[in-house]
């Protein structure tokens, strides 16, 4: 008999407590969702600040590159002489000859390798 009474009392208590628990549970879920959205908003704000700072630094780097290029142009315009132009011309020809010789040697190596390979077959 006591067991049945305890069971009835427990069932009645649950009938009153369950709606309150559901309300409390929904409230806690809402608070958790709000905290999560607030944290996501803060993360987006920090990412935007970091991007803004990176863009400022990129702009400063571009300015410094432009200053360097302008300085190089200024120096180059004042010191270009016929002798310097001849030096550059010889340098370009020398570089082209080096490239031609390297390519020729690579081609010769390829031809010899294929020739030797066909002899072994």
N, C-alpha and C. Protein backbone atom coordinates (compact mmCIF):
# COMPACT_ATOMS: atom_id res chain seq x y z
N UNK A 1 0.81 -1.18 0.00
CA UNK A 1 0.00 0.00 0.00
C UNK A 1 0.87 1.27 0.00
N UNK A 2 1.92 1.25 0.83
CA UNK A 2 2.80 2.42 0.85
C UNK A 2 3.48 2.63 -0.50
N UNK A 3 3.81 1.55 -1.13
CA UNK A 3 4.44 1.64 -2.44
C UNK A 3 3.52 2.29 -3.46
N UNK A 4 2.24 1.91 -3.42
CA UNK A 4 1.29 2.51 -4.35
C UNK A 4 1.09 3.98 -4.06
N UNK A 5 1.08 4.34 -2.78
CA UNK A 5 0.92 5.76 -2.40
C UNK A 5 2.12 6.56 -2.87
N UNK A 6 3.30 6.02 -2.68
CA UNK A 6 4.51 6.72 -3.12
C UNK A 6 4.48 6.87 -4.64
N UNK A 7 4.06 5.84 -5.34
CA UNK A 7 3.99 5.91 -6.80
C UNK A 7 2.99 6.96 -7.25
N UNK A 8 1.84 7.05 -6.60
CA UNK A 8 0.81 8.04 -6.96
C UNK A 8 1.35 9.43 -6.67
N UNK A 9 1.96 9.62 -5.49
CA UNK A 9 2.53 10.93 -5.16
C UNK A 9 3.63 11.31 -6.16
N UNK A 10 4.46 10.34 -6.53
CA UNK A 10 5.52 10.61 -7.51
C UNK A 10 4.92 11.00 -8.86
N UNK A 11 3.87 10.32 -9.29
CA UNK A 11 3.21 10.63 -10.56
C UNK A 11 2.60 12.03 -10.53
N UNK A 12 1.96 12.39 -9.41
CA UNK A 12 1.37 13.73 -9.28
C UNK A 12 2.46 14.79 -9.28
N UNK A 13 3.56 14.53 -8.55
CA UNK A 13 4.68 15.48 -8.50
C UNK A 13 5.27 15.66 -9.89
N UNK A 14 5.41 14.57 -10.63
CA UNK A 14 5.97 14.68 -11.98
C UNK A 14 5.03 15.44 -12.90
N UNK A 15 3.74 15.32 -12.69
CA UNK A 15 2.77 16.04 -13.51
C UNK A 15 2.94 17.55 -13.34
N UNK A 16 3.32 17.99 -12.13
CA UNK A 16 3.53 19.42 -11.89
C UNK A 16 4.97 19.86 -12.22
N UNK A 17 5.92 18.99 -11.94
CA UNK A 17 7.33 19.36 -12.10
C UNK A 17 7.73 19.34 -13.58
N UNK A 18 7.24 18.39 -14.38
CA UNK A 18 7.66 18.25 -15.76
C UNK A 18 7.43 19.52 -16.58
N UNK A 19 6.28 20.19 -16.51
CA UNK A 19 6.13 21.43 -17.28
C UNK A 19 7.13 22.50 -16.85
N UNK A 20 7.35 22.60 -15.54
CA UNK A 20 8.34 23.58 -15.05
C UNK A 20 9.74 23.22 -15.56
N UNK A 21 10.05 21.93 -15.54
CA UNK A 21 11.35 21.49 -16.03
C UNK A 21 11.49 21.81 -17.52
N UNK A 22 10.42 21.58 -18.30
CA UNK A 22 10.47 21.87 -19.73
C UNK A 22 10.71 23.35 -19.98
N UNK A 23 10.03 24.21 -19.19
CA UNK A 23 10.23 25.65 -19.33
C UNK A 23 11.67 26.01 -18.97
N UNK A 24 12.15 25.47 -17.86
CA UNK A 24 13.53 25.75 -17.42
C UNK A 24 14.53 25.24 -18.46
N UNK A 25 14.29 24.04 -19.01
CA UNK A 25 15.18 23.45 -20.01
C UNK A 25 15.21 24.32 -21.27
N UNK A 26 14.05 24.78 -21.72
CA UNK A 26 14.00 25.66 -22.89
C UNK A 26 14.74 26.96 -22.63
N UNK A 27 14.58 27.49 -21.42
CA UNK A 27 15.28 28.73 -21.06
C UNK A 27 16.78 28.53 -21.10
N UNK A 28 17.27 27.41 -20.57
CA UNK A 28 18.70 27.12 -20.57
C UNK A 28 19.22 26.93 -22.00
N UNK A 29 18.44 26.25 -22.85
CA UNK A 29 18.83 26.08 -24.26
C UNK A 29 18.89 27.43 -24.95
N UNK A 30 17.94 28.30 -24.66
CA UNK A 30 17.96 29.64 -25.24
C UNK A 30 19.18 30.43 -24.80
N UNK A 31 19.51 30.35 -23.51
CA UNK A 31 20.70 31.05 -23.01
C UNK A 31 21.97 30.49 -23.66
N UNK A 32 22.03 29.17 -23.81
CA UNK A 32 23.20 28.56 -24.44
C UNK A 32 23.31 29.00 -25.90
N UNK A 33 22.20 29.02 -26.61
CA UNK A 33 22.18 29.45 -28.01
C UNK A 33 22.59 30.92 -28.12
N UNK A 34 22.10 31.74 -27.21
CA UNK A 34 22.46 33.16 -27.21
C UNK A 34 23.94 33.34 -26.96
N UNK A 35 24.48 32.59 -25.98
CA UNK A 35 25.91 32.69 -25.68
C UNK A 35 26.74 32.25 -26.89
N UNK A 36 26.29 31.20 -27.56
CA UNK A 36 27.01 30.72 -28.74
C UNK A 36 26.99 31.75 -29.85
N UNK A 37 25.83 32.34 -30.11
CA UNK A 37 25.74 33.36 -31.17
C UNK A 37 26.56 34.59 -30.80
N UNK A 38 26.58 34.94 -29.53
CA UNK A 38 27.39 36.08 -29.08
C UNK A 38 28.88 35.80 -29.30
N UNK A 39 29.30 34.59 -28.99
CA UNK A 39 30.70 34.21 -29.19
C UNK A 39 31.04 34.22 -30.68
N UNK A 40 30.15 33.71 -31.53
CA UNK A 40 30.39 33.73 -32.97
C UNK A 40 30.48 35.15 -33.50
N UNK A 41 29.66 36.04 -32.96
CA UNK A 41 29.71 37.45 -33.37
C UNK A 41 31.05 38.06 -32.99
N UNK A 42 31.52 37.76 -31.78
CA UNK A 42 32.82 38.29 -31.35
C UNK A 42 33.95 37.75 -32.22
N UNK A 43 33.85 36.49 -32.61
CA UNK A 43 34.87 35.90 -33.48
C UNK A 43 34.88 36.61 -34.83
N UNK A 44 33.70 36.85 -35.41
CA UNK A 44 33.63 37.56 -36.70
C UNK A 44 34.19 38.97 -36.59
N UNK A 45 33.93 39.64 -35.46
CA UNK A 45 34.46 40.99 -35.27
C UNK A 45 35.99 40.95 -35.21
N UNK A 46 36.54 39.98 -34.48
CA UNK A 46 38.00 39.87 -34.38
C UNK A 46 38.62 39.52 -35.73
N UNK A 47 37.97 38.66 -36.50
CA UNK A 47 38.47 38.34 -37.83
C UNK A 47 38.46 39.57 -38.73
N UNK A 48 37.40 40.36 -38.62
CA UNK A 48 37.32 41.59 -39.43
C UNK A 48 38.42 42.56 -39.03
N UNK A 49 38.67 42.67 -37.73
CA UNK A 49 39.76 43.55 -37.27
C UNK A 49 41.11 43.06 -37.79
N UNK A 50 41.32 41.75 -37.73
CA UNK A 50 42.60 41.19 -38.22
C UNK A 50 42.75 41.44 -39.72
N UNK A 51 41.67 41.25 -40.49
CA UNK A 51 41.72 41.52 -41.93
C UNK A 51 42.00 42.99 -42.20
N UNK A 52 41.39 43.85 -41.42
CA UNK A 52 41.61 45.29 -41.59
C UNK A 52 43.07 45.63 -41.32
N UNK A 53 43.61 45.08 -40.26
CA UNK A 53 45.02 45.33 -39.92
C UNK A 53 45.94 44.78 -41.01
N UNK A 54 45.62 43.60 -41.54
CA UNK A 54 46.44 43.02 -42.61
C UNK A 54 46.38 43.89 -43.86
N UNK A 55 45.21 44.41 -44.18
CA UNK A 55 45.10 45.29 -45.35
C UNK A 55 45.91 46.57 -45.16
N UNK A 56 45.89 47.10 -43.94
CA UNK A 56 46.71 48.30 -43.68
C UNK A 56 48.19 48.00 -43.87
N UNK A 57 48.64 46.85 -43.37
CA UNK A 57 50.04 46.49 -43.53
C UNK A 57 50.38 46.22 -44.99
N UNK A 58 49.46 45.59 -45.74
CA UNK A 58 49.70 45.39 -47.17
C UNK A 58 49.81 46.71 -47.91
N UNK A 59 48.97 47.67 -47.53
CA UNK A 59 49.02 48.99 -48.16
C UNK A 59 50.35 49.67 -47.86
N UNK A 60 50.82 49.55 -46.62
CA UNK A 60 52.11 50.15 -46.27
C UNK A 60 53.24 49.48 -47.05
N UNK A 61 53.16 48.17 -47.23
CA UNK A 61 54.19 47.47 -48.00
C UNK A 61 54.18 47.93 -49.45
N UNK A 62 52.99 48.13 -50.02
CA UNK A 62 52.89 48.62 -51.40
C UNK A 62 53.50 50.01 -51.52
N UNK A 63 53.25 50.85 -50.53
CA UNK A 63 53.81 52.20 -50.54
C UNK A 63 55.33 52.13 -50.51
N UNK A 64 55.88 51.26 -49.66
CA UNK A 64 57.34 51.13 -49.58
C UNK A 64 57.92 50.59 -50.88
N UNK A 65 57.23 49.64 -51.51
CA UNK A 65 57.70 49.13 -52.80
C UNK A 65 57.69 50.22 -53.86
N UNK A 66 56.64 51.03 -53.86
CA UNK A 66 56.55 52.12 -54.83
C UNK A 66 57.65 53.14 -54.60
N UNK A 67 57.93 53.42 -53.32
CA UNK A 67 59.03 54.36 -53.01
C UNK A 67 60.35 53.80 -53.51
N UNK A 68 60.57 52.50 -53.30
CA UNK A 68 61.82 51.87 -53.77
C UNK A 68 61.93 51.91 -55.27
N UNK A 69 60.82 51.63 -55.96
CA UNK A 69 60.85 51.66 -57.42
C UNK A 69 61.11 53.08 -57.91
N UNK A 70 60.48 54.06 -57.28
CA UNK A 70 60.69 55.46 -57.68
C UNK A 70 62.14 55.86 -57.46
N UNK A 71 62.72 55.43 -56.35
CA UNK A 71 64.12 55.75 -56.07
C UNK A 71 65.04 55.08 -57.09
N UNK A 72 64.74 53.84 -57.44
CA UNK A 72 65.56 53.14 -58.44
C UNK A 72 65.47 53.84 -59.79
N UNK A 73 64.28 54.26 -60.15
CA UNK A 73 64.12 54.98 -61.42
C UNK A 73 64.88 56.30 -61.39
N UNK A 74 64.78 57.01 -60.26
CA UNK A 74 65.49 58.28 -60.13
C UNK A 74 67.00 58.08 -60.26
N UNK A 75 67.52 57.04 -59.59
CA UNK A 75 68.96 56.78 -59.66
C UNK A 75 69.35 56.33 -61.06
N UNK A 76 68.54 55.47 -61.66
CA UNK A 76 68.85 54.97 -63.01
C UNK A 76 68.85 56.05 -64.05
N UNK A 77 67.93 56.98 -63.97
CA UNK A 77 67.86 58.05 -64.96
C UNK A 77 69.07 58.96 -64.89
N UNK A 78 69.64 59.11 -63.74
CA UNK A 78 70.78 60.01 -63.61
C UNK A 78 72.09 59.36 -63.97
N UNK A 79 72.16 58.03 -64.02
CA UNK A 79 73.46 57.39 -64.20
C UNK A 79 73.54 56.48 -65.43
N UNK A 80 72.60 56.56 -66.33
CA UNK A 80 72.65 55.73 -67.54
C UNK A 80 73.60 56.41 -68.53
N UNK A 81 74.67 55.71 -68.81
CA UNK A 81 75.68 56.23 -69.75
C UNK A 81 75.81 55.24 -70.90
N UNK A 82 76.41 55.65 -71.98
CA UNK A 82 76.62 54.70 -73.09
C UNK A 82 77.43 53.48 -72.67
N UNK A 83 78.39 53.68 -71.79
CA UNK A 83 79.20 52.55 -71.32
C UNK A 83 78.33 51.57 -70.54
N UNK A 84 77.43 52.08 -69.71
CA UNK A 84 76.54 51.22 -68.92
C UNK A 84 75.59 50.46 -69.85
N UNK A 85 75.11 51.11 -70.89
CA UNK A 85 74.23 50.45 -71.85
C UNK A 85 74.98 49.34 -72.59
N UNK A 86 76.26 49.58 -72.95
CA UNK A 86 77.06 48.54 -73.58
C UNK A 86 77.27 47.37 -72.63
N UNK A 87 77.51 47.68 -71.35
CA UNK A 87 77.68 46.63 -70.34
C UNK A 87 76.42 45.77 -70.26
N UNK A 88 75.25 46.39 -70.21
CA UNK A 88 74.00 45.64 -70.14
C UNK A 88 73.80 44.80 -71.40
N UNK A 89 74.15 45.35 -72.55
CA UNK A 89 74.00 44.62 -73.81
C UNK A 89 74.89 43.38 -73.81
N UNK A 90 76.15 43.53 -73.39
CA UNK A 90 77.07 42.39 -73.31
C UNK A 90 76.56 41.36 -72.30
N UNK A 91 76.02 41.83 -71.19
CA UNK A 91 75.50 40.94 -70.16
C UNK A 91 74.32 40.12 -70.70
N UNK A 92 73.43 40.75 -71.42
CA UNK A 92 72.29 40.05 -71.99
C UNK A 92 72.76 39.02 -73.01
N UNK A 93 73.69 39.39 -73.85
CA UNK A 93 74.21 38.45 -74.84
C UNK A 93 74.88 37.27 -74.14
N UNK A 94 75.67 37.54 -73.11
CA UNK A 94 76.34 36.47 -72.37
C UNK A 94 75.32 35.52 -71.73
N UNK A 95 74.29 36.06 -71.15
CA UNK A 95 73.25 35.22 -70.53
C UNK A 95 72.57 34.37 -71.59
N UNK A 96 72.26 34.97 -72.74
CA UNK A 96 71.62 34.21 -73.82
C UNK A 96 72.53 33.10 -74.34
N UNK A 97 73.82 33.38 -74.44
CA UNK A 97 74.77 32.36 -74.90
C UNK A 97 74.82 31.22 -73.88
N UNK A 98 74.85 31.56 -72.59
CA UNK A 98 74.87 30.52 -71.55
C UNK A 98 73.63 29.64 -71.63
N UNK A 99 72.48 30.26 -71.83
CA UNK A 99 71.24 29.49 -71.94
C UNK A 99 71.29 28.60 -73.18
N UNK A 100 71.77 29.13 -74.29
CA UNK A 100 71.85 28.36 -75.52
C UNK A 100 72.77 27.16 -75.35
N UNK A 101 73.94 27.38 -74.71
CA UNK A 101 74.89 26.29 -74.50
C UNK A 101 74.28 25.23 -73.59
N UNK A 102 73.62 25.64 -72.52
CA UNK A 102 73.00 24.67 -71.61
C UNK A 102 71.93 23.85 -72.33
N UNK A 103 71.10 24.52 -73.11
CA UNK A 103 70.06 23.80 -73.85
C UNK A 103 70.66 22.86 -74.88
N UNK A 104 71.74 23.31 -75.53
CA UNK A 104 72.41 22.45 -76.51
C UNK A 104 72.99 21.22 -75.84
N UNK A 105 73.61 21.39 -74.68
CA UNK A 105 74.18 20.25 -73.96
C UNK A 105 73.08 19.30 -73.50
N UNK A 106 71.96 19.84 -73.05
CA UNK A 106 70.85 18.98 -72.65
C UNK A 106 70.31 18.19 -73.83
N UNK A 107 70.19 18.86 -74.96
CA UNK A 107 69.70 18.18 -76.16
C UNK A 107 70.69 17.11 -76.60
N UNK A 108 71.97 17.42 -76.58
CA UNK A 108 73.00 16.44 -76.94
C UNK A 108 72.96 15.24 -76.00
N UNK A 109 72.81 15.49 -74.72
CA UNK A 109 72.72 14.42 -73.72
C UNK A 109 71.50 13.54 -74.00
N UNK A 110 70.39 14.16 -74.30
CA UNK A 110 69.17 13.41 -74.60
C UNK A 110 69.36 12.53 -75.84
N UNK A 111 69.95 13.09 -76.87
CA UNK A 111 70.17 12.34 -78.11
C UNK A 111 71.11 11.17 -77.87
N UNK A 112 72.22 11.41 -77.14
CA UNK A 112 73.17 10.33 -76.86
C UNK A 112 72.54 9.27 -75.98
N UNK A 113 71.76 9.66 -75.00
CA UNK A 113 71.10 8.70 -74.12
C UNK A 113 70.17 7.80 -74.92
N UNK A 114 69.38 8.39 -75.81
CA UNK A 114 68.46 7.60 -76.64
C UNK A 114 69.23 6.70 -77.62
N UNK A 115 70.34 7.20 -78.14
CA UNK A 115 71.15 6.41 -79.06
C UNK A 115 71.73 5.20 -78.34
N UNK A 116 72.29 5.42 -77.14
CA UNK A 116 72.87 4.32 -76.34
C UNK A 116 71.79 3.35 -75.92
N UNK A 117 70.65 3.85 -75.58
CA UNK A 117 69.53 2.99 -75.17
C UNK A 117 69.08 2.08 -76.32
N UNK A 118 69.05 2.63 -77.52
CA UNK A 118 68.63 1.82 -78.66
C UNK A 118 69.69 0.78 -79.02
N UNK A 119 70.97 1.05 -78.74
CA UNK A 119 72.04 0.07 -79.01
C UNK A 119 71.92 -1.14 -78.09
N UNK A 120 71.46 -0.92 -76.86
CA UNK A 120 71.35 -2.01 -75.89
C UNK A 120 70.15 -2.89 -76.13
N UNK A 121 69.23 -2.44 -76.93
CA UNK A 121 68.06 -3.28 -77.22
C UNK A 121 68.45 -4.34 -78.18
